[in-house]
N, C-alpha and C. Protein backbone atom coordinates (compact mmCIF):
# COMPACT_ATOMS: atom_id res chain seq x y z
N MET A 1 77.77 32.06 123.66
CA MET A 1 78.94 32.43 122.90
C MET A 1 78.61 32.34 121.41
N ALA A 2 78.90 33.40 120.67
CA ALA A 2 78.61 33.44 119.24
C ALA A 2 79.60 32.57 118.47
N SER A 3 79.06 31.79 117.54
CA SER A 3 79.93 30.98 116.69
C SER A 3 80.51 31.88 115.59
N GLU A 4 81.50 31.35 114.88
CA GLU A 4 82.09 32.13 113.79
C GLU A 4 81.05 32.46 112.73
N ILE A 5 80.16 31.53 112.49
CA ILE A 5 79.10 31.74 111.48
C ILE A 5 78.14 32.83 111.95
N GLU A 6 77.76 32.80 113.23
CA GLU A 6 76.86 33.84 113.76
C GLU A 6 77.52 35.21 113.70
N LEU A 7 78.78 35.28 114.05
CA LEU A 7 79.52 36.54 113.99
C LEU A 7 79.60 37.04 112.54
N SER A 8 79.93 36.14 111.63
CA SER A 8 80.02 36.50 110.22
C SER A 8 78.67 36.97 109.67
N ASP A 9 77.62 36.24 110.01
CA ASP A 9 76.28 36.63 109.55
C ASP A 9 75.87 37.98 110.13
N PHE A 10 76.21 38.21 111.39
CA PHE A 10 75.88 39.50 112.00
C PHE A 10 76.60 40.64 111.27
N LEU A 11 77.89 40.46 111.03
CA LEU A 11 78.67 41.51 110.36
C LEU A 11 78.15 41.77 108.95
N LYS A 12 77.76 40.72 108.24
CA LYS A 12 77.19 40.90 106.90
C LYS A 12 75.87 41.67 106.97
N SER A 13 75.11 41.42 108.02
CA SER A 13 73.79 42.07 108.12
C SER A 13 73.88 43.55 108.47
N VAL A 14 74.98 44.00 109.08
CA VAL A 14 75.07 45.40 109.49
C VAL A 14 76.01 46.24 108.64
N GLU A 15 76.75 45.62 107.73
CA GLU A 15 77.79 46.36 107.03
C GLU A 15 77.27 47.55 106.23
N LYS A 16 76.19 47.41 105.50
CA LYS A 16 75.68 48.51 104.67
C LYS A 16 75.13 49.65 105.51
N ARG A 17 74.37 49.30 106.54
CA ARG A 17 73.82 50.35 107.42
C ARG A 17 74.94 51.05 108.18
N ALA A 18 75.93 50.29 108.62
CA ALA A 18 77.05 50.89 109.35
C ALA A 18 77.83 51.83 108.43
N PHE A 19 78.03 51.42 107.18
CA PHE A 19 78.72 52.29 106.23
C PHE A 19 77.94 53.58 106.01
N LYS A 20 76.65 53.45 105.80
CA LYS A 20 75.82 54.63 105.56
C LYS A 20 75.86 55.57 106.76
N ARG A 21 75.76 55.00 107.94
CA ARG A 21 75.81 55.81 109.17
C ARG A 21 77.15 56.54 109.28
N SER A 22 78.23 55.82 109.03
CA SER A 22 79.56 56.43 109.09
C SER A 22 79.72 57.50 108.02
N LEU A 23 79.18 57.23 106.85
CA LEU A 23 79.26 58.20 105.76
C LEU A 23 78.52 59.48 106.13
N TYR A 24 77.38 59.36 106.79
CA TYR A 24 76.66 60.55 107.25
C TYR A 24 77.52 61.38 108.20
N HIS A 25 78.28 60.70 109.04
CA HIS A 25 79.09 61.40 110.03
C HIS A 25 80.33 62.04 109.42
N VAL A 26 81.10 61.26 108.67
CA VAL A 26 82.41 61.74 108.23
C VAL A 26 82.40 62.34 106.83
N ARG A 27 81.38 62.03 106.04
CA ARG A 27 81.20 62.60 104.70
C ARG A 27 82.36 62.31 103.76
N ASN A 28 82.94 61.13 103.92
CA ASN A 28 84.03 60.70 103.05
C ASN A 28 83.95 59.18 102.96
N GLN A 29 83.82 58.66 101.73
CA GLN A 29 83.62 57.22 101.57
C GLN A 29 84.77 56.37 102.10
N GLU A 30 85.99 56.77 101.78
CA GLU A 30 87.14 55.98 102.22
C GLU A 30 87.24 55.95 103.75
N SER A 31 87.03 57.09 104.36
CA SER A 31 87.09 57.16 105.83
C SER A 31 85.96 56.34 106.45
N ALA A 32 84.77 56.43 105.86
CA ALA A 32 83.64 55.66 106.37
C ALA A 32 83.92 54.16 106.28
N LEU A 33 84.50 53.74 105.15
CA LEU A 33 84.85 52.32 105.00
C LEU A 33 85.89 51.90 106.05
N ASP A 34 86.88 52.75 106.27
CA ASP A 34 87.90 52.45 107.28
C ASP A 34 87.29 52.31 108.67
N ILE A 35 86.38 53.22 109.00
CA ILE A 35 85.74 53.19 110.33
C ILE A 35 84.95 51.91 110.50
N VAL A 36 84.18 51.54 109.48
CA VAL A 36 83.38 50.31 109.57
C VAL A 36 84.28 49.10 109.68
N GLN A 37 85.33 49.07 108.87
CA GLN A 37 86.25 47.93 108.92
C GLN A 37 86.92 47.83 110.28
N ASP A 38 87.39 48.95 110.81
CA ASP A 38 88.00 48.94 112.15
C ASP A 38 87.01 48.46 113.20
N SER A 39 85.78 48.92 113.10
CA SER A 39 84.75 48.52 114.07
C SER A 39 84.50 47.03 114.01
N MET A 40 84.40 46.51 112.80
CA MET A 40 84.16 45.07 112.64
C MET A 40 85.33 44.25 113.17
N MET A 41 86.54 44.71 112.89
CA MET A 41 87.72 44.00 113.39
C MET A 41 87.77 44.00 114.92
N LYS A 42 87.47 45.13 115.52
CA LYS A 42 87.49 45.23 116.98
C LYS A 42 86.42 44.33 117.60
N LEU A 43 85.24 44.30 116.98
CA LEU A 43 84.19 43.44 117.50
C LEU A 43 84.63 41.98 117.45
N ALA A 44 85.14 41.56 116.30
CA ALA A 44 85.56 40.18 116.15
C ALA A 44 86.72 39.83 117.07
N GLU A 45 87.67 40.75 117.18
CA GLU A 45 88.87 40.49 117.96
C GLU A 45 88.61 40.48 119.46
N HIS A 46 87.85 41.47 119.93
CA HIS A 46 87.69 41.63 121.37
C HIS A 46 86.38 41.06 121.94
N TYR A 47 85.36 40.92 121.10
CA TYR A 47 84.06 40.52 121.63
C TYR A 47 83.45 39.34 120.88
N GLY A 48 84.22 38.67 120.05
CA GLY A 48 83.71 37.52 119.31
C GLY A 48 83.25 36.39 120.21
N HIS A 49 83.72 36.37 121.43
CA HIS A 49 83.35 35.31 122.37
C HIS A 49 82.03 35.60 123.09
N LYS A 50 81.47 36.77 122.90
CA LYS A 50 80.22 37.16 123.57
C LYS A 50 79.03 36.46 122.92
N PRO A 51 77.92 36.36 123.63
CA PRO A 51 76.70 35.76 123.04
C PRO A 51 76.22 36.59 121.85
N ALA A 52 75.60 35.92 120.89
CA ALA A 52 75.17 36.57 119.64
C ALA A 52 74.19 37.72 119.90
N GLU A 53 73.37 37.61 120.91
CA GLU A 53 72.38 38.67 121.19
C GLU A 53 73.03 39.95 121.72
N GLU A 54 74.25 39.89 122.19
CA GLU A 54 74.96 41.09 122.67
C GLU A 54 75.73 41.81 121.55
N LEU A 55 75.90 41.16 120.43
CA LEU A 55 76.71 41.73 119.35
C LEU A 55 76.17 43.05 118.80
N PRO A 56 74.85 43.20 118.56
CA PRO A 56 74.38 44.47 117.99
C PRO A 56 74.72 45.68 118.87
N MET A 57 74.51 45.56 120.15
CA MET A 57 74.78 46.68 121.05
C MET A 57 76.28 46.96 121.14
N LEU A 58 77.07 45.92 121.23
CA LEU A 58 78.52 46.10 121.27
C LEU A 58 79.02 46.76 119.99
N PHE A 59 78.50 46.31 118.86
CA PHE A 59 78.95 46.87 117.59
C PHE A 59 78.59 48.35 117.47
N GLN A 60 77.39 48.72 117.89
CA GLN A 60 76.99 50.12 117.81
C GLN A 60 77.91 51.00 118.66
N ARG A 61 78.25 50.51 119.82
CA ARG A 61 79.14 51.26 120.71
C ARG A 61 80.54 51.38 120.10
N ILE A 62 81.04 50.29 119.55
CA ILE A 62 82.36 50.31 118.92
C ILE A 62 82.36 51.25 117.72
N LEU A 63 81.30 51.20 116.91
CA LEU A 63 81.21 52.07 115.74
C LEU A 63 81.20 53.54 116.15
N SER A 64 80.46 53.85 117.20
CA SER A 64 80.43 55.23 117.70
C SER A 64 81.82 55.66 118.18
N ASN A 65 82.48 54.79 118.92
CA ASN A 65 83.82 55.12 119.42
C ASN A 65 84.84 55.28 118.29
N CYS A 66 84.77 54.42 117.29
CA CYS A 66 85.69 54.54 116.15
C CYS A 66 85.44 55.84 115.39
N THR A 67 84.18 56.24 115.28
CA THR A 67 83.85 57.50 114.62
C THR A 67 84.41 58.67 115.41
N LEU A 68 84.23 58.64 116.73
CA LEU A 68 84.78 59.72 117.57
C LEU A 68 86.31 59.75 117.48
N ASP A 69 86.93 58.59 117.46
CA ASP A 69 88.38 58.53 117.31
C ASP A 69 88.82 59.15 115.98
N TRP A 70 88.06 58.89 114.92
CA TRP A 70 88.38 59.46 113.61
C TRP A 70 88.34 60.99 113.69
N PHE A 71 87.28 61.53 114.31
CA PHE A 71 87.17 62.98 114.44
C PHE A 71 88.32 63.56 115.26
N ARG A 72 88.71 62.86 116.32
CA ARG A 72 89.84 63.33 117.13
C ARG A 72 91.13 63.35 116.31
N ARG A 73 91.36 62.29 115.54
CA ARG A 73 92.56 62.25 114.69
C ARG A 73 92.52 63.37 113.66
N GLN A 74 91.36 63.63 113.09
CA GLN A 74 91.22 64.71 112.10
C GLN A 74 91.52 66.06 112.74
N LYS A 75 91.04 66.24 113.95
CA LYS A 75 91.27 67.51 114.64
C LYS A 75 92.76 67.74 114.86
N VAL A 76 93.45 66.70 115.30
CA VAL A 76 94.90 66.81 115.53
C VAL A 76 95.62 67.02 114.20
N GLN A 77 95.25 66.24 113.22
CA GLN A 77 95.89 66.36 111.91
C GLN A 77 95.66 67.76 111.33
N ASN A 78 94.45 68.27 111.44
CA ASN A 78 94.15 69.61 110.91
C ASN A 78 94.92 70.68 111.66
N ALA A 79 95.08 70.49 112.96
CA ALA A 79 95.83 71.47 113.74
C ALA A 79 97.30 71.47 113.36
N LEU A 80 97.85 70.28 113.12
CA LEU A 80 99.27 70.17 112.80
C LEU A 80 99.59 70.60 111.37
N PHE A 81 98.68 70.30 110.46
CA PHE A 81 98.97 70.51 109.05
C PHE A 81 98.07 71.54 108.38
N SER A 82 97.48 72.43 109.14
CA SER A 82 96.55 73.38 108.56
C SER A 82 97.21 74.30 107.54
N ASN A 83 98.44 74.66 107.75
CA ASN A 83 99.12 75.53 106.79
C ASN A 83 99.45 74.80 105.49
N LEU A 84 99.68 73.50 105.56
CA LEU A 84 100.00 72.75 104.36
C LEU A 84 98.79 72.60 103.44
N SER A 85 97.59 72.67 104.00
CA SER A 85 96.40 72.50 103.19
C SER A 85 96.21 73.64 102.19
N ASP A 86 96.85 74.77 102.41
CA ASP A 86 96.77 75.88 101.47
C ASP A 86 97.41 75.52 100.12
N PHE A 87 98.31 74.56 100.12
CA PHE A 87 99.02 74.19 98.90
C PHE A 87 98.36 73.05 98.16
N GLU A 88 97.35 72.45 98.76
CA GLU A 88 96.70 71.31 98.13
C GLU A 88 95.62 71.77 97.18
N GLY A 89 95.45 71.04 96.12
CA GLY A 89 94.36 71.31 95.19
C GLY A 89 93.51 70.08 95.07
N GLY A 90 92.48 70.16 94.31
CA GLY A 90 91.63 69.00 94.08
C GLY A 90 90.56 68.85 95.13
N ASN A 91 89.65 67.97 94.82
CA ASN A 91 88.50 67.76 95.70
C ASN A 91 88.33 66.26 95.89
N ASP A 92 88.52 65.78 97.11
CA ASP A 92 88.44 64.34 97.35
C ASP A 92 87.12 63.94 98.01
N SER A 93 86.13 64.80 97.99
CA SER A 93 84.87 64.47 98.64
C SER A 93 83.89 63.90 97.62
N GLU A 94 83.99 62.59 97.39
CA GLU A 94 83.09 61.93 96.47
C GLU A 94 81.76 61.69 97.17
N ASP A 95 80.67 61.90 96.45
CA ASP A 95 79.35 61.73 97.03
C ASP A 95 78.94 60.27 96.98
N PHE A 96 78.16 59.87 97.94
CA PHE A 96 77.57 58.54 97.96
C PHE A 96 76.54 58.49 96.85
N ASN A 97 76.54 57.44 96.05
CA ASN A 97 75.64 57.36 94.92
C ASN A 97 74.28 56.85 95.37
N LEU A 98 73.38 57.78 95.62
CA LEU A 98 72.05 57.44 96.11
C LEU A 98 71.24 56.69 95.08
N LEU A 99 71.42 56.99 93.80
CA LEU A 99 70.65 56.30 92.77
C LEU A 99 70.94 54.81 92.76
N ASP A 100 72.20 54.42 92.99
CA ASP A 100 72.51 52.99 93.08
C ASP A 100 71.77 52.35 94.24
N THR A 101 71.77 53.03 95.37
CA THR A 101 71.06 52.51 96.54
C THR A 101 69.58 52.45 96.28
N LEU A 102 69.04 53.50 95.69
CA LEU A 102 67.61 53.55 95.39
C LEU A 102 67.23 52.44 94.43
N ASN A 103 68.01 52.24 93.39
CA ASN A 103 67.70 51.19 92.41
C ASN A 103 67.76 49.81 93.05
N ALA A 104 68.69 49.60 93.95
CA ALA A 104 68.81 48.30 94.60
C ALA A 104 67.60 48.00 95.48
N THR A 105 67.01 49.02 96.08
CA THR A 105 65.88 48.80 96.98
C THR A 105 64.54 48.81 96.25
N MET A 106 64.53 49.22 94.99
CA MET A 106 63.26 49.34 94.28
C MET A 106 63.08 48.26 93.22
N HIS A 107 63.63 47.09 93.43
CA HIS A 107 63.58 46.05 92.42
C HIS A 107 62.17 45.66 92.03
N GLY A 108 61.18 45.89 92.86
CA GLY A 108 59.80 45.53 92.54
C GLY A 108 59.01 46.66 91.91
N GLU A 109 59.63 47.78 91.63
CA GLU A 109 58.89 48.94 91.13
C GLU A 109 59.36 49.36 89.75
N GLN A 110 59.57 48.40 88.83
CA GLN A 110 60.06 48.73 87.50
C GLN A 110 59.04 49.48 86.67
N ASN A 111 57.76 49.37 86.98
CA ASN A 111 56.73 50.01 86.18
C ASN A 111 56.54 51.48 86.52
N GLU A 112 57.26 51.98 87.47
CA GLU A 112 57.15 53.37 87.88
C GLU A 112 57.75 54.28 86.80
N SER A 113 57.16 55.44 86.60
CA SER A 113 57.63 56.35 85.54
C SER A 113 59.00 56.92 85.89
N ALA A 114 59.70 57.36 84.86
CA ALA A 114 61.01 57.97 85.05
C ALA A 114 60.89 59.25 85.88
N GLU A 115 59.83 60.00 85.64
CA GLU A 115 59.62 61.23 86.40
C GLU A 115 59.43 60.92 87.89
N SER A 116 58.66 59.90 88.18
CA SER A 116 58.42 59.50 89.56
C SER A 116 59.71 59.03 90.22
N LEU A 117 60.50 58.25 89.50
CA LEU A 117 61.77 57.78 90.03
C LEU A 117 62.72 58.93 90.30
N THR A 118 62.76 59.90 89.40
CA THR A 118 63.63 61.06 89.56
C THR A 118 63.20 61.89 90.76
N GLU A 119 61.89 62.08 90.90
CA GLU A 119 61.39 62.84 92.06
C GLU A 119 61.74 62.14 93.36
N ARG A 120 61.58 60.83 93.38
CA ARG A 120 61.89 60.06 94.59
C ARG A 120 63.38 60.17 94.92
N ALA A 121 64.22 60.06 93.89
CA ALA A 121 65.67 60.15 94.11
C ALA A 121 66.05 61.53 94.63
N GLN A 122 65.43 62.58 94.08
CA GLN A 122 65.72 63.93 94.54
C GLN A 122 65.27 64.12 95.98
N THR A 123 64.10 63.60 96.31
CA THR A 123 63.60 63.70 97.69
C THR A 123 64.55 63.00 98.65
N LEU A 124 65.03 61.83 98.28
CA LEU A 124 65.97 61.11 99.14
C LEU A 124 67.29 61.86 99.28
N ARG A 125 67.76 62.47 98.20
CA ARG A 125 68.98 63.29 98.29
C ARG A 125 68.76 64.47 99.23
N ASP A 126 67.60 65.10 99.14
CA ASP A 126 67.30 66.24 100.02
C ASP A 126 67.26 65.80 101.48
N ILE A 127 66.66 64.65 101.73
CA ILE A 127 66.59 64.13 103.10
C ILE A 127 68.00 63.82 103.61
N GLU A 128 68.81 63.16 102.78
CA GLU A 128 70.18 62.85 103.20
C GLU A 128 70.98 64.11 103.47
N THR A 129 70.81 65.12 102.64
CA THR A 129 71.52 66.38 102.84
C THR A 129 71.13 67.00 104.17
N GLU A 130 69.86 66.99 104.48
CA GLU A 130 69.39 67.58 105.73
C GLU A 130 69.85 66.78 106.94
N ILE A 131 69.92 65.46 106.80
CA ILE A 131 70.44 64.63 107.90
C ILE A 131 71.90 64.98 108.16
N GLN A 132 72.66 65.20 107.10
CA GLN A 132 74.07 65.54 107.24
C GLN A 132 74.25 66.89 107.91
N GLU A 133 73.28 67.77 107.79
CA GLU A 133 73.37 69.11 108.37
C GLU A 133 73.04 69.14 109.86
N LEU A 134 72.48 68.06 110.38
CA LEU A 134 72.15 68.02 111.81
C LEU A 134 73.42 68.08 112.65
N PRO A 135 73.33 68.64 113.87
CA PRO A 135 74.47 68.56 114.78
C PRO A 135 74.82 67.09 115.05
N ALA A 136 76.07 66.83 115.34
CA ALA A 136 76.58 65.45 115.43
C ALA A 136 75.79 64.56 116.38
N ARG A 137 75.50 65.03 117.59
CA ARG A 137 74.79 64.18 118.56
C ARG A 137 73.34 63.94 118.12
N GLN A 138 72.70 64.95 117.55
CA GLN A 138 71.34 64.76 117.04
C GLN A 138 71.35 63.76 115.89
N ARG A 139 72.31 63.89 114.99
CA ARG A 139 72.40 62.98 113.85
C ARG A 139 72.65 61.55 114.34
N GLU A 140 73.55 61.41 115.32
CA GLU A 140 73.86 60.08 115.84
C GLU A 140 72.64 59.44 116.48
N ALA A 141 71.93 60.19 117.32
CA ALA A 141 70.73 59.66 117.97
C ALA A 141 69.66 59.32 116.94
N PHE A 142 69.46 60.22 115.99
CA PHE A 142 68.44 60.01 114.96
C PHE A 142 68.74 58.75 114.16
N LEU A 143 69.99 58.58 113.71
CA LEU A 143 70.34 57.42 112.90
C LEU A 143 70.23 56.12 113.68
N MET A 144 70.63 56.14 114.94
CA MET A 144 70.51 54.92 115.74
C MET A 144 69.04 54.54 115.97
N ARG A 145 68.24 55.54 116.27
CA ARG A 145 66.83 55.26 116.57
C ARG A 145 66.04 54.89 115.32
N TYR A 146 66.21 55.64 114.24
CA TYR A 146 65.34 55.46 113.09
C TYR A 146 65.99 54.74 111.92
N TRP A 147 67.30 54.75 111.83
CA TRP A 147 67.98 54.01 110.76
C TRP A 147 68.33 52.61 111.25
N GLU A 148 68.91 52.55 112.46
CA GLU A 148 69.29 51.26 113.02
C GLU A 148 68.14 50.59 113.78
N ASP A 149 67.05 51.31 114.00
CA ASP A 149 65.86 50.80 114.68
C ASP A 149 66.16 50.32 116.09
N MET A 150 67.02 51.06 116.79
CA MET A 150 67.36 50.74 118.17
C MET A 150 66.35 51.44 119.09
N ASP A 151 66.08 50.85 120.25
CA ASP A 151 65.18 51.53 121.19
C ASP A 151 65.96 52.58 121.98
N VAL A 152 65.23 53.34 122.80
CA VAL A 152 65.84 54.45 123.52
C VAL A 152 66.96 53.97 124.44
N ALA A 153 66.73 52.88 125.16
CA ALA A 153 67.73 52.38 126.10
C ALA A 153 69.00 51.93 125.37
N GLU A 154 68.84 51.22 124.26
CA GLU A 154 70.00 50.77 123.50
C GLU A 154 70.78 51.96 122.94
N THR A 155 70.05 52.95 122.44
CA THR A 155 70.70 54.13 121.88
C THR A 155 71.47 54.88 122.97
N ALA A 156 70.85 55.02 124.14
CA ALA A 156 71.50 55.71 125.25
C ALA A 156 72.79 54.98 125.65
N ALA A 157 72.72 53.66 125.72
CA ALA A 157 73.91 52.88 126.09
C ALA A 157 75.00 53.03 125.02
N ALA A 158 74.61 52.99 123.76
CA ALA A 158 75.59 53.11 122.68
C ALA A 158 76.22 54.49 122.62
N MET A 159 75.43 55.52 122.93
CA MET A 159 75.93 56.90 122.88
C MET A 159 76.61 57.32 124.18
N GLY A 160 76.41 56.54 125.25
CA GLY A 160 77.00 56.89 126.53
C GLY A 160 76.33 58.08 127.18
N CYS A 161 75.01 58.15 127.06
CA CYS A 161 74.27 59.26 127.66
C CYS A 161 72.96 58.72 128.24
N SER A 162 72.17 59.61 128.83
CA SER A 162 70.91 59.18 129.44
C SER A 162 69.83 58.99 128.38
N GLN A 163 68.79 58.27 128.75
CA GLN A 163 67.66 58.07 127.84
C GLN A 163 66.97 59.39 127.55
N GLY A 164 66.93 60.26 128.53
CA GLY A 164 66.34 61.58 128.32
C GLY A 164 67.10 62.38 127.27
N SER A 165 68.42 62.28 127.29
CA SER A 165 69.23 62.97 126.28
C SER A 165 68.95 62.42 124.88
N VAL A 166 68.79 61.12 124.78
CA VAL A 166 68.48 60.51 123.49
C VAL A 166 67.14 61.04 122.98
N LYS A 167 66.15 61.07 123.86
CA LYS A 167 64.83 61.57 123.46
C LYS A 167 64.91 63.03 123.02
N THR A 168 65.68 63.83 123.75
CA THR A 168 65.84 65.24 123.40
C THR A 168 66.53 65.39 122.05
N HIS A 169 67.63 64.66 121.85
CA HIS A 169 68.36 64.73 120.58
C HIS A 169 67.46 64.29 119.42
N CYS A 170 66.72 63.21 119.61
CA CYS A 170 65.84 62.71 118.54
C CYS A 170 64.72 63.71 118.24
N SER A 171 64.14 64.25 119.27
CA SER A 171 63.06 65.22 119.07
C SER A 171 63.56 66.44 118.31
N ARG A 172 64.69 66.95 118.71
CA ARG A 172 65.26 68.12 118.03
C ARG A 172 65.61 67.79 116.58
N ALA A 173 66.15 66.59 116.36
CA ALA A 173 66.51 66.19 114.99
C ALA A 173 65.27 66.08 114.11
N VAL A 174 64.22 65.45 114.64
CA VAL A 174 62.99 65.29 113.87
C VAL A 174 62.38 66.64 113.53
N HIS A 175 62.34 67.54 114.52
CA HIS A 175 61.77 68.86 114.27
C HIS A 175 62.62 69.65 113.26
N ALA A 176 63.93 69.58 113.39
CA ALA A 176 64.81 70.29 112.45
C ALA A 176 64.66 69.74 111.04
N LEU A 177 64.59 68.40 110.92
CA LEU A 177 64.42 67.80 109.60
C LEU A 177 63.07 68.17 108.99
N ALA A 178 62.03 68.09 109.80
CA ALA A 178 60.69 68.42 109.30
C ALA A 178 60.64 69.87 108.81
N GLU A 179 61.22 70.76 109.58
CA GLU A 179 61.22 72.18 109.21
C GLU A 179 62.03 72.41 107.92
N ALA A 180 63.19 71.80 107.84
CA ALA A 180 64.04 71.98 106.65
C ALA A 180 63.38 71.40 105.41
N LEU A 181 62.75 70.24 105.56
CA LEU A 181 62.11 69.61 104.41
C LEU A 181 60.85 70.37 103.99
N ARG A 182 60.10 70.87 104.97
CA ARG A 182 58.94 71.70 104.65
C ARG A 182 59.36 72.94 103.87
N ALA A 183 60.49 73.52 104.25
CA ALA A 183 61.00 74.71 103.56
C ALA A 183 61.35 74.39 102.10
N LYS A 184 61.68 73.13 101.82
CA LYS A 184 61.97 72.73 100.45
C LYS A 184 60.73 72.22 99.73
N GLY A 185 59.60 72.27 100.41
CA GLY A 185 58.34 71.83 99.78
C GLY A 185 58.11 70.34 99.84
N ILE A 186 58.83 69.64 100.71
CA ILE A 186 58.69 68.19 100.83
C ILE A 186 57.78 67.89 102.02
N ARG A 187 56.72 67.17 101.74
CA ARG A 187 55.79 66.75 102.79
C ARG A 187 55.86 65.23 102.90
N LEU A 188 56.19 64.75 104.09
CA LEU A 188 56.30 63.30 104.30
C LEU A 188 55.15 62.79 105.10
């Protein structure tokens, strides 16, 4: 059984990655924050009594379900209020600030040139853009496997599909990303 401290430490350790993953899916910071917060609350409320080693898998599943629920609500909301959107103005799609993230992770590379830093930031923006363009299931499998560092079995359980499906989604995502990045002149 996970203690309150173990649960708190676990949630602190996954919050940034969970936010980034949600942001890739929903492309809206406020919605991504809501999804992560709801997921964390559900984990604590319903599964806080589980052993600490089960928390990562449970959280991934809850996060996936909360994301799917968000999309379902959006679909219903868009169907009900599609005519009202013609009267709205403005743009509420704020971009995730990659430079802040990049600067936070590069604390040991202060001697790097400004040109090099700019190129790296642009490359990361291009990669993020291409990840966002992936089909939803491919993006989900790719992020779980390579962002969350989950194995095939864990990813399959979290996504509610077979291990073969996870491998197929990941393979297609990797090939699509490689092709898109090659077209932009990026070699990784």
